[in-house]
N, C-alpha and C. Protein backbone atom coordinates (compact mmCIF):
# COMPACT_ATOMS: atom_id res chain seq x y z
N MET A 1 0.76 -1.18 -0.07
CA MET A 1 -0.01 -0.14 -0.04
C MET A 1 0.80 1.03 0.09
N ALA A 2 0.48 2.29 -0.64
CA ALA A 2 1.33 3.54 -1.11
C ALA A 2 0.35 4.46 -0.38
N ASN A 3 0.47 5.24 0.52
CA ASN A 3 -0.32 6.10 1.00
C ASN A 3 0.88 7.47 0.64
N ILE A 4 -0.12 7.83 -0.26
CA ILE A 4 0.20 9.60 -0.97
C ILE A 4 0.10 10.32 -0.02
N GLY A 5 -0.96 10.77 0.39
CA GLY A 5 -1.46 11.97 1.44
C GLY A 5 -2.83 12.00 1.65
N SER A 6 -3.46 12.93 2.27
CA SER A 6 -4.47 13.36 2.48
C SER A 6 -4.96 14.88 2.81
N PHE A 7 -6.43 15.41 2.33
CA PHE A 7 -6.70 16.13 2.90
C PHE A 7 -8.27 16.42 2.77
N ALA A 8 -9.05 17.13 3.67
CA ALA A 8 -10.01 17.31 3.67
C ALA A 8 -11.05 15.66 3.90
N GLY A 9 -10.41 15.16 4.78
CA GLY A 9 -10.97 13.62 5.14
C GLY A 9 -11.12 12.95 3.74
N VAL A 10 -10.58 13.35 2.59
CA VAL A 10 -10.32 12.28 2.08
C VAL A 10 -8.58 11.44 1.59
N ALA A 11 -8.31 10.24 1.40
CA ALA A 11 -6.82 10.17 1.84
C ALA A 11 -6.54 9.29 0.24
N PHE A 12 -5.38 10.01 -0.17
CA PHE A 12 -4.78 9.57 -1.78
C PHE A 12 -4.07 8.88 -1.40
N GLU A 13 -4.49 7.37 -1.87
CA GLU A 13 -3.71 6.23 -1.78
C GLU A 13 -3.90 5.49 -2.74
N VAL A 14 -3.00 4.36 -2.90
CA VAL A 14 -2.83 3.32 -3.94
C VAL A 14 -2.87 1.62 -3.56
N SER A 15 -3.74 0.80 -3.53
CA SER A 15 -3.37 -0.63 -2.66
C SER A 15 -4.05 -1.31 -3.53
N SER A 16 -4.22 -2.47 -3.35
CA SER A 16 -4.64 -3.49 -4.00
C SER A 16 -6.11 -3.62 -3.94
N LYS A 17 -6.67 -2.94 -2.92
CA LYS A 17 -7.99 -3.27 -2.58
C LYS A 17 -8.92 -1.64 -2.87
N LYS A 18 -7.58 -0.52 -2.80
CA LYS A 18 -8.40 0.91 -2.92
C LYS A 18 -7.39 1.81 -3.83
N ALA A 19 -8.27 2.79 -4.75
CA ALA A 19 -7.01 3.85 -5.28
C ALA A 19 -7.64 5.02 -5.55
N ILE A 20 -6.90 6.11 -4.86
CA ILE A 20 -7.12 7.23 -5.23
C ILE A 20 -6.08 7.89 -5.59
N PRO A 21 -5.17 8.17 -6.65
CA PRO A 21 -4.01 8.57 -7.08
C PRO A 21 -4.12 9.80 -7.28
N LEU A 22 -2.91 10.64 -6.96
CA LEU A 22 -3.14 12.15 -6.69
C LEU A 22 -1.90 12.55 -8.41
N LYS A 23 -3.04 13.40 -9.07
CA LYS A 23 -2.40 13.54 -10.36
C LYS A 23 -2.38 14.98 -10.52
N ASP A 24 -1.46 15.46 -11.50
CA ASP A 24 -1.17 16.78 -12.03
C ASP A 24 -1.15 17.93 -11.06
N TYR A 25 -0.33 17.69 -9.99
CA TYR A 25 0.05 18.20 -8.64
C TYR A 25 0.84 19.24 -9.05
N SER A 26 0.37 20.62 -8.41
CA SER A 26 1.26 21.74 -9.08
C SER A 26 1.10 22.94 -7.94
N ARG A 27 2.20 23.41 -7.81
CA ARG A 27 2.27 24.37 -6.35
C ARG A 27 2.89 25.96 -7.19
N SER A 28 1.89 27.39 -6.63
CA SER A 28 2.55 28.47 -7.20
C SER A 28 2.37 29.32 -5.96
N SER A 29 2.58 30.62 -6.29
CA SER A 29 3.45 31.78 -5.38
C SER A 29 3.68 32.91 -5.82
N ALA A 30 3.43 33.80 -5.33
CA ALA A 30 4.04 35.19 -5.81
C ALA A 30 4.35 36.20 -4.56
N SER A 31 5.16 37.04 -4.83
CA SER A 31 5.43 38.02 -3.85
C SER A 31 4.54 39.32 -4.05
N ARG A 32 4.05 39.86 -2.95
CA ARG A 32 3.16 40.93 -3.11
C ARG A 32 4.06 42.44 -3.18
N TRP A 33 3.43 43.33 -3.95
CA TRP A 33 4.05 44.71 -4.09
C TRP A 33 3.05 45.61 -4.47
N GLU A 34 3.33 46.73 -3.79
CA GLU A 34 2.41 48.09 -4.11
C GLU A 34 2.95 49.12 -4.60
N THR A 35 2.36 49.88 -5.99
CA THR A 35 3.34 50.81 -6.66
C THR A 35 2.61 52.15 -6.21
N HIS A 36 3.40 53.02 -5.85
CA HIS A 36 3.12 54.44 -5.55
C HIS A 36 3.42 55.07 -6.95
N GLU A 37 2.17 56.08 -7.11
CA GLU A 37 2.52 56.97 -8.19
C GLU A 37 3.31 58.27 -7.97
N VAL A 38 4.07 58.80 -8.66
CA VAL A 38 4.77 59.48 -8.08
C VAL A 38 4.64 60.83 -9.51
N THR A 39 4.61 62.33 -9.19
CA THR A 39 4.84 62.81 -10.38
C THR A 39 5.79 63.21 -11.07
N LYS A 40 5.77 63.35 -12.52
CA LYS A 40 6.84 63.42 -13.19
C LYS A 40 7.88 62.06 -13.18
N HIS A 41 7.80 61.00 -12.14
CA HIS A 41 8.56 60.06 -12.29
C HIS A 41 8.02 58.61 -12.55
N LYS A 42 8.85 57.77 -12.36
CA LYS A 42 8.21 56.74 -12.82
C LYS A 42 7.65 56.05 -11.57
N PRO A 43 6.98 55.02 -11.25
CA PRO A 43 6.09 54.77 -10.08
C PRO A 43 7.21 53.93 -9.45
N ILE A 44 7.16 53.89 -7.81
CA ILE A 44 7.97 53.37 -6.79
C ILE A 44 7.30 52.31 -6.57
N PRO A 45 7.84 51.14 -6.92
CA PRO A 45 7.21 49.59 -6.27
C PRO A 45 7.75 49.47 -4.79
N GLU A 46 6.78 49.05 -3.55
CA GLU A 46 7.40 48.77 -2.51
C GLU A 46 6.71 47.35 -1.86
N PHE A 47 7.75 46.53 -1.64
CA PHE A 47 7.75 45.16 -1.11
C PHE A 47 6.58 45.04 0.05
N ILE A 48 5.62 44.25 -0.06
CA ILE A 48 4.50 44.34 1.01
C ILE A 48 4.60 42.78 1.64
N GLY A 49 5.03 42.04 1.27
CA GLY A 49 5.42 40.96 1.77
C GLY A 49 5.02 39.31 1.26
N GLN A 50 5.13 38.18 1.63
CA GLN A 50 4.71 37.02 0.84
C GLN A 50 3.38 37.11 -0.08
N GLY A 51 3.32 36.35 -0.99
CA GLY A 51 1.80 36.33 -1.51
C GLY A 51 0.93 35.08 -1.10
N GLN A 52 0.02 34.87 -1.26
CA GLN A 52 -0.92 33.32 -0.85
C GLN A 52 -0.34 32.28 -2.07
N GLU A 53 0.01 31.40 -1.36
CA GLU A 53 0.30 29.97 -2.46
C GLU A 53 -0.93 29.46 -2.47
N GLN A 54 -0.83 29.01 -3.72
CA GLN A 54 -1.99 28.12 -4.35
C GLN A 54 -1.47 26.54 -4.91
N ILE A 55 -2.30 25.46 -4.70
CA ILE A 55 -2.29 24.14 -5.05
C ILE A 55 -3.23 23.93 -5.90
N SER A 56 -2.72 22.85 -6.94
CA SER A 56 -3.77 22.31 -8.14
C SER A 56 -3.34 20.96 -7.98
N PHE A 57 -4.66 20.00 -8.41
CA PHE A 57 -4.24 18.79 -8.18
C PHE A 57 -5.62 17.92 -8.56
N SER A 58 -5.39 16.74 -9.46
CA SER A 58 -6.58 16.24 -9.85
C SER A 58 -6.56 14.90 -9.02
N ILE A 59 -7.56 13.97 -8.70
CA ILE A 59 -7.81 12.78 -8.38
C ILE A 59 -9.02 11.98 -9.13
N ARG A 60 -9.16 10.67 -9.39
CA ARG A 60 -10.13 9.82 -10.16
C ARG A 60 -10.73 9.18 -9.04
N LEU A 61 -12.15 9.32 -8.75
CA LEU A 61 -12.93 8.27 -7.90
C LEU A 61 -13.76 7.09 -8.79
N SER A 62 -13.58 6.17 -8.84
CA SER A 62 -14.30 5.25 -9.28
C SER A 62 -14.49 4.08 -8.55
N VAL A 63 -15.63 3.40 -8.60
CA VAL A 63 -16.04 2.18 -7.71
C VAL A 63 -15.06 1.16 -8.68
N TYR A 64 -14.57 1.14 -9.77
CA TYR A 64 -13.70 -0.24 -10.12
C TYR A 64 -12.22 -0.13 -9.50
N HIS A 65 -12.11 0.70 -8.63
CA HIS A 65 -10.72 1.08 -7.94
C HIS A 65 -11.28 0.91 -6.65
N GLY A 66 -12.22 0.30 -5.93
CA GLY A 66 -12.60 0.35 -4.66
C GLY A 66 -13.17 1.34 -3.80
N VAL A 67 -13.67 2.64 -4.50
CA VAL A 67 -13.99 3.69 -3.84
C VAL A 67 -15.59 4.17 -4.22
N ASN A 68 -15.94 4.84 -3.17
CA ASN A 68 -17.48 5.36 -3.39
C ASN A 68 -17.27 6.56 -4.07
N PRO A 69 -17.68 7.00 -5.39
CA PRO A 69 -17.43 8.02 -5.60
C PRO A 69 -18.14 9.21 -4.97
N GLU A 70 -19.48 9.37 -4.98
CA GLU A 70 -20.51 9.84 -4.17
C GLU A 70 -19.92 10.37 -3.03
N LYS A 71 -19.50 9.66 -2.06
CA LYS A 71 -19.32 9.54 -0.76
C LYS A 71 -17.95 10.37 -0.72
N GLU A 72 -16.59 10.37 -1.51
CA GLU A 72 -15.90 11.15 -1.22
C GLU A 72 -15.95 12.51 -1.83
N LEU A 73 -16.95 12.54 -2.93
CA LEU A 73 -17.27 14.09 -3.32
C LEU A 73 -18.01 14.89 -2.24
N ALA A 74 -18.84 14.02 -1.34
CA ALA A 74 -19.68 14.64 -0.55
C ALA A 74 -18.89 15.19 0.41
N LYS A 75 -17.35 14.69 0.70
CA LYS A 75 -16.73 15.17 1.81
C LYS A 75 -16.24 16.36 1.46
N LEU A 76 -15.84 16.27 0.36
CA LEU A 76 -14.81 17.73 -0.69
C LEU A 76 -16.08 18.88 -0.80
N ARG A 77 -16.96 18.73 -1.21
CA ARG A 77 -17.94 19.68 -1.21
C ARG A 77 -18.73 20.20 0.16
N SER A 78 -18.57 19.34 1.19
CA SER A 78 -18.99 19.71 2.68
C SER A 78 -17.97 20.82 3.16
N PHE A 79 -16.68 20.44 2.59
CA PHE A 79 -15.33 21.08 3.50
C PHE A 79 -15.31 22.65 2.40
N ARG A 80 -15.49 22.52 1.18
CA ARG A 80 -15.58 23.68 0.44
C ARG A 80 -16.59 24.67 0.90
N ASP A 81 -17.80 23.80 1.08
CA ASP A 81 -19.08 24.75 1.28
C ASP A 81 -19.51 25.71 2.66
N ASN A 82 -18.75 24.98 3.76
CA ASN A 82 -18.54 25.11 5.01
C ASN A 82 -17.32 25.83 5.39
N GLY A 83 -16.56 26.28 4.45
CA GLY A 83 -15.30 27.57 5.05
C GLY A 83 -14.33 26.45 5.62
N LYS A 84 -14.23 25.22 5.57
CA LYS A 84 -13.36 24.55 6.52
C LYS A 84 -11.98 24.79 5.72
N VAL A 85 -10.84 25.00 6.74
CA VAL A 85 -9.52 24.89 6.81
C VAL A 85 -8.90 23.39 7.27
N ALA A 86 -7.76 23.41 6.66
CA ALA A 86 -6.92 22.06 7.05
C ALA A 86 -5.56 22.05 6.41
N SER A 87 -4.72 21.31 7.53
CA SER A 87 -3.41 21.23 6.69
C SER A 87 -3.54 20.30 5.57
N PHE A 88 -2.55 20.26 4.63
CA PHE A 88 -2.57 19.28 3.33
C PHE A 88 -1.40 18.11 3.25
N ILE A 89 -1.54 16.83 3.65
CA ILE A 89 -0.54 16.05 4.08
C ILE A 89 0.15 15.41 2.34
N LEU A 90 1.13 15.16 2.64
CA LEU A 90 1.91 14.52 1.36
C LEU A 90 2.88 13.55 2.07
N GLY A 91 2.61 12.27 2.21
CA GLY A 91 3.45 11.59 2.54
C GLY A 91 3.03 11.44 4.10
N THR A 92 3.59 11.67 5.46
CA THR A 92 3.55 11.83 6.66
C THR A 92 3.30 13.05 7.25
N LYS A 93 3.87 14.20 6.47
CA LYS A 93 3.79 15.65 6.77
C LYS A 93 3.33 16.44 6.33
N PRO A 94 2.45 17.52 7.07
CA PRO A 94 2.37 18.55 6.40
C PRO A 94 2.91 19.39 5.46
N ILE A 95 2.68 20.10 4.09
CA ILE A 95 3.61 20.63 3.45
C ILE A 95 4.13 21.56 3.61
N SER A 96 3.36 22.63 4.60
CA SER A 96 3.69 23.87 5.06
C SER A 96 2.78 23.89 6.22
N LYS A 97 3.49 24.78 7.03
CA LYS A 97 2.88 25.34 8.53
C LYS A 97 1.46 26.28 8.41
N ASN A 98 1.17 26.34 7.27
CA ASN A 98 -0.07 26.97 7.61
C ASN A 98 -1.65 26.14 6.73
N TYR A 99 -2.52 26.28 6.74
CA TYR A 99 -3.73 25.69 6.06
C TYR A 99 -4.10 25.51 4.80
N TRP A 100 -4.89 25.16 4.41
CA TRP A 100 -5.02 24.95 3.42
C TRP A 100 -7.08 25.39 3.36
N TYR A 101 -7.43 25.90 1.72
CA TYR A 101 -9.11 25.73 1.88
C TYR A 101 -9.55 25.47 0.54
N ILE A 102 -10.42 24.83 0.26
CA ILE A 102 -10.80 24.69 -1.08
C ILE A 102 -11.54 25.56 -1.49
N ASP A 103 -10.63 26.19 -3.04
CA ASP A 103 -11.36 27.52 -3.67
C ASP A 103 -12.46 27.00 -4.85
N SER A 104 -12.28 26.13 -5.30
CA SER A 104 -13.02 25.34 -6.38
C SER A 104 -12.87 23.80 -6.52
N ILE A 105 -14.18 23.39 -6.96
CA ILE A 105 -14.22 21.69 -7.23
C ILE A 105 -14.45 21.74 -8.94
N ASN A 106 -14.00 20.96 -9.99
CA ASN A 106 -14.18 20.70 -11.03
C ASN A 106 -14.95 19.27 -11.19
N GLU A 107 -15.77 18.53 -11.33
CA GLU A 107 -15.98 17.20 -11.52
C GLU A 107 -16.62 16.87 -13.19
N SER A 108 -15.67 15.90 -13.49
CA SER A 108 -16.14 15.55 -14.42
C SER A 108 -16.51 13.71 -14.86
N THR A 109 -17.70 13.60 -14.67
CA THR A 109 -18.21 12.56 -14.25
C THR A 109 -18.06 11.47 -15.80
N SER A 110 -16.92 10.55 -16.41
CA SER A 110 -16.92 9.80 -17.03
C SER A 110 -18.07 8.21 -17.32
N VAL A 111 -18.33 7.94 -16.10
CA VAL A 111 -19.26 6.72 -16.13
C VAL A 111 -20.35 7.02 -15.22
N PHE A 112 -21.62 6.62 -15.70
CA PHE A 112 -22.89 6.60 -14.49
C PHE A 112 -23.30 4.99 -14.77
N GLY A 113 -24.15 4.75 -13.50
CA GLY A 113 -24.90 3.72 -13.16
C GLY A 113 -25.91 3.75 -14.09
N PRO A 114 -26.47 2.47 -14.02
CA PRO A 114 -28.12 2.32 -14.47
C PRO A 114 -29.03 2.99 -13.97
N ASN A 115 -28.73 3.27 -12.49
CA ASN A 115 -29.89 4.16 -12.03
C ASN A 115 -29.44 5.63 -11.72
N GLY A 116 -28.39 6.35 -12.51
CA GLY A 116 -27.90 7.55 -12.68
C GLY A 116 -26.54 7.90 -11.43
N GLN A 117 -26.43 6.51 -10.77
CA GLN A 117 -25.37 6.90 -9.70
C GLN A 117 -23.64 6.98 -10.55
N THR A 118 -23.23 8.09 -9.59
CA THR A 118 -21.48 8.15 -10.63
C THR A 118 -21.03 7.06 -10.12
N LEU A 119 -20.04 6.38 -11.11
CA LEU A 119 -19.58 5.21 -11.10
C LEU A 119 -17.85 5.92 -10.83
N THR A 120 -17.85 6.72 -12.35
CA THR A 120 -16.12 7.00 -12.39
C THR A 120 -16.05 8.62 -12.36
N VAL A 121 -15.33 9.33 -11.68
CA VAL A 121 -15.41 10.71 -11.97
C VAL A 121 -14.01 11.80 -11.55
N ASP A 122 -13.79 12.15 -12.63
CA ASP A 122 -12.48 12.77 -12.31
C ASP A 122 -12.61 14.27 -11.61
N VAL A 123 -11.77 14.32 -10.77
CA VAL A 123 -12.12 15.74 -9.85
C VAL A 123 -10.84 16.67 -10.00
N GLU A 124 -10.84 18.03 -10.64
CA GLU A 124 -9.69 18.85 -10.19
C GLU A 124 -10.06 19.94 -9.06
N ILE A 125 -9.05 19.89 -8.35
CA ILE A 125 -9.20 20.61 -7.28
C ILE A 125 -8.07 21.78 -6.90
N THR A 126 -8.35 23.02 -6.47
CA THR A 126 -7.63 23.88 -6.60
C THR A 126 -7.88 24.44 -5.34
N LEU A 127 -6.59 24.83 -4.34
CA LEU A 127 -6.75 25.05 -2.74
C LEU A 127 -5.83 26.48 -2.89
N PHE A 128 -6.25 27.15 -1.92
CA PHE A 128 -5.21 28.25 -1.54
C PHE A 128 -4.90 28.35 0.22
N GLU A 129 -3.84 29.17 0.32
CA GLU A 129 -3.06 29.02 1.84
C GLU A 129 -3.99 30.23 2.66
N TYR A 130 -4.05 29.36 3.96
CA TYR A 130 -4.89 30.10 4.99
C TYR A 130 -4.08 30.04 6.31
N PRO A 131 -3.35 31.39 6.66
CA PRO A 131 -2.25 31.38 7.52
C PRO A 131 -2.85 31.03 9.06
N LYS A 132 -2.56 30.41 9.37
CA LYS A 132 -2.74 30.18 10.93
C LYS A 132 -3.00 30.80 11.38
N THR A 133 -2.37 31.82 11.99
CA THR A 133 -2.33 33.32 12.53
C THR A 133 -3.49 33.83 12.85
N PHE A 134 -4.46 33.35 12.09
CA PHE A 134 -5.94 33.70 11.59
C PHE A 134 -7.08 33.15 11.87
N VAL A 135 -6.50 31.84 12.27
CA VAL A 135 -7.50 30.94 12.47
C VAL A 135 -8.25 30.93 14.17
N LYS A 136 -7.29 31.33 14.96
CA LYS A 136 -7.76 31.69 16.23
C LYS A 136 -8.29 32.95 16.52
N LYS A 137 -9.36 32.79 16.93
CA LYS A 137 -10.31 34.33 17.00
C LYS A 137 -9.55 35.09 18.53
N LYS A 138 -8.93 36.17 18.11
CA LYS A 138 -8.48 36.97 19.24
C LYS A 138 -9.75 37.90 20.26
N LYS A 139 -10.07 37.88 21.31
CA LYS A 139 -10.79 38.41 21.95
C LYS A 139 -10.63 39.78 22.06
N ASN A 140 -11.73 40.32 21.83
CA ASN A 140 -11.70 41.90 21.98
C ASN A 140 -11.95 42.29 23.31
N LYS A 141 -10.87 43.37 23.54
CA LYS A 141 -10.96 43.70 25.10
C LYS A 141 -11.77 45.14 24.78
N PRO A 142 -12.67 45.31 25.80
CA PRO A 142 -13.05 46.70 25.55
C PRO A 142 -12.49 47.84 26.06
N LYS A 143 -12.41 49.00 25.56
CA LYS A 143 -11.45 50.23 25.49
C LYS A 143 -11.58 50.66 26.78
N SER A 144 -10.60 50.78 27.49
CA SER A 144 -10.94 51.44 29.13
C SER A 144 -11.04 53.01 29.04
N LYS A 145 -11.95 53.46 29.65
CA LYS A 145 -11.38 55.15 29.60
C LYS A 145 -10.39 55.81 29.81
N LYS A 146 -9.38 54.90 30.38
CA LYS A 146 -7.74 55.30 30.72
C LYS A 146 -6.93 55.82 29.72
N LYS A 147 -7.38 54.24 28.56
CA LYS A 147 -6.67 54.41 27.48
C LYS A 147 -7.07 55.56 26.64
N ILE A 148 -8.23 55.76 26.62
CA ILE A 148 -8.94 56.94 25.55
C ILE A 148 -8.02 57.91 26.19
N SER A 149 -8.19 58.23 27.60
CA SER A 149 -7.54 59.54 27.77
C SER A 149 -6.03 59.59 27.56
N ASN A 150 -5.44 58.43 27.69
CA ASN A 150 -4.12 58.55 27.66
C ASN A 150 -3.44 58.89 26.00
N ALA A 151 -4.70 58.23 25.25
CA ALA A 151 -4.23 58.43 23.76
C ALA A 151 -4.25 60.16 23.29
N THR A 152 -5.10 60.85 24.23
CA THR A 152 -5.21 62.46 23.59
C THR A 152 -3.83 62.97 24.29
N LYS A 153 -3.32 62.56 25.39
CA LYS A 153 -1.95 63.27 25.68
C LYS A 153 -0.53 62.81 25.32
N LYS A 154 -0.75 62.09 24.04
CA LYS A 154 0.58 61.79 23.36
C LYS A 154 1.17 63.14 23.01
N LYS A 155 2.55 62.59 23.08
CA LYS A 155 3.72 63.82 22.96
C LYS A 155 3.88 63.93 21.28
N VAL A 156 4.19 65.26 20.67
CA VAL A 156 4.82 65.33 19.35
C VAL A 156 6.03 64.85 19.35
N THR A 157 6.67 64.26 18.90
CA THR A 157 8.08 63.85 18.50
C THR A 157 8.82 64.18 17.34
N GLY A 158 7.76 64.85 16.31
CA GLY A 158 8.58 65.57 15.52
C GLY A 158 7.46 65.65 14.39
N THR A 159 8.03 66.58 13.30
CA THR A 159 7.11 66.59 12.00
C THR A 159 7.57 66.07 10.91
N ILE A 160 6.79 65.96 9.96
CA ILE A 160 7.34 65.21 8.46
C ILE A 160 6.70 66.30 7.73
N LYS A 161 7.82 66.10 6.63
CA LYS A 161 7.17 67.30 5.28
C LYS A 161 7.45 66.32 4.06
N ILE A 162 6.05 66.41 3.19
CA ILE A 162 5.87 65.42 2.27
C ILE A 162 7.01 66.26 1.03
N LYS A 163 7.53 65.10 0.62
CA LYS A 163 8.42 65.50 -0.23
C LYS A 163 7.82 66.51 -1.52
N SER A 164 8.72 67.68 -2.47
CA SER A 164 7.80 68.39 -3.31
C SER A 164 7.56 67.51 -4.50
N TRP A 165 8.51 66.46 -4.87
CA TRP A 165 7.79 66.03 -6.21
C TRP A 165 6.60 64.65 -5.94
N VAL A 166 6.66 64.48 -4.39
CA VAL A 166 5.33 63.82 -4.34
C VAL A 166 3.78 63.96 -4.55
N TYR A 167 3.04 64.07 -5.48
CA TYR A 167 1.70 64.35 -5.68
C TYR A 167 0.69 64.08 -4.85
N SER A 168 0.72 63.24 -3.85
CA SER A 168 -0.06 62.57 -3.01
C SER A 168 0.39 61.21 -2.15
N ILE A 169 -0.31 60.74 -1.26
CA ILE A 169 -0.09 59.77 -0.32
C ILE A 169 -1.16 59.45 0.93
N TYR A 170 -1.73 58.43 0.72
CA TYR A 170 -2.57 58.06 1.61
C TYR A 170 -2.12 58.01 3.03
N VAL A 171 -3.25 58.84 3.57
CA VAL A 171 -3.45 58.94 5.44
C VAL A 171 -4.55 57.75 5.75
N ARG A 172 -3.99 56.58 6.41
CA ARG A 172 -4.79 55.24 6.28
C ARG A 172 -5.59 55.52 7.78
N ALA A 173 -6.39 54.63 8.13
CA ALA A 173 -6.96 54.44 9.29
C ALA A 173 -6.37 53.39 10.33
N SER A 174 -5.60 52.72 9.46
CA SER A 174 -4.51 51.78 10.74
C SER A 174 -3.40 51.68 9.69
N PRO A 175 -2.41 51.15 11.12
CA PRO A 175 -0.93 51.01 10.29
C PRO A 175 -0.96 49.98 9.23
N SER A 176 -1.58 49.84 8.34
CA SER A 176 -1.42 48.53 7.24
C SER A 176 -1.69 48.94 5.81
N LEU A 177 -0.95 48.77 4.89
CA LEU A 177 -1.15 48.72 3.44
C LEU A 177 -2.64 48.45 2.89
N LYS A 178 -3.24 47.65 3.94
CA LYS A 178 -4.88 47.07 3.90
C LYS A 178 -5.89 48.59 4.58
N GLY A 179 -4.62 49.31 5.64
CA GLY A 179 -6.04 50.23 6.16
C GLY A 179 -6.81 51.15 4.87
N LYS A 180 -7.85 51.42 5.61
CA LYS A 180 -8.82 52.17 4.90
C LYS A 180 -8.58 53.84 4.54
N PRO A 181 -8.15 53.99 3.52
CA PRO A 181 -7.87 55.46 3.39
C PRO A 181 -8.63 56.42 3.77
N LEU A 182 -8.04 57.38 4.84
CA LEU A 182 -9.42 58.56 5.16
C LEU A 182 -9.27 59.95 4.27
N THR A 183 -7.74 60.13 3.68
CA THR A 183 -7.20 61.50 3.14
C THR A 183 -6.35 61.26 2.39
N VAL A 184 -5.64 62.26 1.69
CA VAL A 184 -4.07 62.12 1.04
C VAL A 184 -3.32 63.38 1.62
N ALA A 185 -2.10 63.03 1.91
CA ALA A 185 -1.41 63.97 2.34
C ALA A 185 -0.92 64.54 0.91
N ARG A 186 -0.52 65.86 0.74
CA ARG A 186 0.41 66.19 -0.84
C ARG A 186 1.55 67.12 -0.66
N LYS A 187 1.99 67.25 -1.83
CA LYS A 187 3.73 67.74 -1.56
C LYS A 187 3.61 68.74 -0.70
N ASN A 188 4.54 68.62 0.24
CA ASN A 188 5.22 70.21 0.89
C ASN A 188 4.13 70.04 2.15
N GLN A 189 3.27 69.43 2.09
CA GLN A 189 2.48 69.90 3.71
C GLN A 189 2.91 69.19 4.61
N VAL A 190 3.01 69.65 6.02
CA VAL A 190 3.50 69.60 7.21
C VAL A 190 2.56 68.75 7.82
N LEU A 191 3.03 67.93 9.01
CA LEU A 191 2.46 66.90 9.79
C LEU A 191 2.94 66.77 10.93
N LYS A 192 2.38 66.74 12.22
CA LYS A 192 2.58 65.92 13.17
C LYS A 192 2.80 64.77 13.53
N VAL A 193 3.87 64.55 14.22
CA VAL A 193 4.13 62.80 14.44
C VAL A 193 3.96 62.57 15.83
N PHE A 194 3.51 61.72 16.34
CA PHE A 194 3.52 61.23 17.41
C PHE A 194 3.95 59.91 17.66
N GLY A 195 4.70 59.20 17.12
CA GLY A 195 5.68 58.39 17.21
C GLY A 195 5.65 57.58 15.60
N THR A 196 5.94 56.27 15.80
CA THR A 196 6.06 55.08 14.76
C THR A 196 5.76 54.07 15.20
N LYS A 197 5.10 52.87 14.36
CA LYS A 197 5.02 51.63 14.68
C LYS A 197 5.31 50.61 13.38
N LYS A 198 5.87 49.78 13.62
CA LYS A 198 6.14 48.68 12.70
C LYS A 198 5.10 47.40 12.44
N THR A 199 4.64 47.45 11.09
CA THR A 199 3.70 46.10 11.15
C THR A 199 4.48 45.67 9.83
N ASP A 200 3.28 45.62 8.71
CA ASP A 200 3.90 45.33 7.18
C ASP A 200 5.00 45.97 6.71
N ILE A 201 5.07 47.48 7.05
CA ILE A 201 6.16 48.50 6.88
C ILE A 201 6.40 49.33 8.09
N THR A 202 7.05 50.32 8.14
CA THR A 202 6.91 51.41 9.47
C THR A 202 5.81 52.47 8.80
N TRP A 203 5.37 52.79 9.69
CA TRP A 203 3.96 54.11 9.55
C TRP A 203 4.61 55.33 11.17
N TYR A 204 4.17 56.44 10.38
CA TYR A 204 4.15 57.39 11.51
C TYR A 204 2.62 57.37 12.19
N ASP A 205 2.60 58.09 13.37
CA ASP A 205 1.39 58.12 13.90
C ASP A 205 0.96 59.57 13.87
N LEU A 206 0.28 59.80 12.89
CA LEU A 206 -0.59 61.38 12.83
C LEU A 206 -1.26 61.51 14.28
N GLY A 207 -1.72 60.80 15.08
CA GLY A 207 -2.99 61.08 15.67
C GLY A 207 -4.19 60.67 15.49
N GLY A 208 -5.08 60.95 16.40
CA GLY A 208 -6.47 60.41 15.90
C GLY A 208 -6.64 59.32 15.00
N GLY A 209 -5.95 58.24 15.30
CA GLY A 209 -6.27 57.24 14.36
C GLY A 209 -5.93 57.02 13.06
N ARG A 210 -4.81 58.27 12.89
CA ARG A 210 -4.39 58.50 11.49
C ARG A 210 -2.94 57.86 11.26
N TRP A 211 -2.56 57.14 10.20
CA TRP A 211 -1.06 56.48 10.09
C TRP A 211 -0.70 56.74 8.33
N ILE A 212 0.61 57.22 8.50
CA ILE A 212 1.01 57.42 7.26
C ILE A 212 2.14 56.76 7.01
N SER A 213 2.41 56.46 5.64
CA SER A 213 3.97 55.44 5.68
C SER A 213 5.15 56.31 6.41
N ALA A 214 6.14 55.69 6.75
CA ALA A 214 7.19 56.03 7.14
C ALA A 214 8.73 56.13 6.30
N ASN A 215 8.28 55.91 4.87
CA ASN A 215 9.39 55.61 3.65
C ASN A 215 9.84 56.85 3.58
N SER A 216 10.99 57.15 3.47
CA SER A 216 12.07 58.30 3.47
C SER A 216 12.01 58.86 1.93
N LYS A 217 10.93 57.90 1.03
CA LYS A 217 11.22 58.21 -0.39
C LYS A 217 9.92 59.59 -0.60
N TYR A 218 9.16 59.40 0.75
CA TYR A 218 7.99 60.16 0.51
C TYR A 218 7.93 61.57 1.31
N SER A 219 8.66 61.52 2.62
CA SER A 219 8.59 62.43 3.30
C SER A 219 9.97 62.75 4.19
N THR A 220 10.17 64.03 4.52
CA THR A 220 11.48 64.14 5.59
C THR A 220 10.92 64.38 6.92
N PHE A 221 11.76 63.76 7.80
CA PHE A 221 11.02 63.68 9.04
C PHE A 221 11.72 64.39 10.23
N THR A 222 11.43 65.35 10.59
CA THR A 222 12.28 66.50 11.36
C THR A 222 12.19 66.05 12.64
N LYS A 223 12.85 65.96 13.79
CA LYS A 223 12.90 65.59 15.46
C LYS A 223 12.45 66.81 16.23
N GLY A 224 11.81 66.96 16.89
CA GLY A 224 11.04 67.95 18.18
C GLY A 224 9.97 68.49 17.85
């Protein structure tokens, strides 16, 4: 018996009694970049981080191989339709530290039984990576009045001046490139800074829940 792997309750294996071979396996990914427009200059690309990985493969489910196709398909459909995530196992180990979810299932039935039951079906499956850091739900701690009052007492650490060749740059609602844009800062504009924070990149805290990229390509920081 050859145990190839497993996912979503379906075991990929080949033996004298049962066979669900894994075919056409491929894995791909890309890095993430964001491009900032600059007046009269070429856009400036900024590296954001790793991209989401993708896996695709196909399996054949056939009663002639000791498999109940409809039962195995039900497992895959349920996993997809309920938004479940799990480790993808090859051999005896997960292929990555993160989980995976089913993005799509394409079924091509080649043999039907006399009562319309599926006897042989080829299934193409596409999976996407799901980081484990987002699986555990974080408990939302209520904001205390003390924290709110402290937020209003932040000290100015300096100022930034948007460089003259930058047409505009987003001011966001959180220190992340996924943060909601609130407004834009334009060339030569001067803004107070209440500190910095490092997340996907380094950000200036403009106070009042406003954040702007601390990239020196866009602004000049003056301390004090």
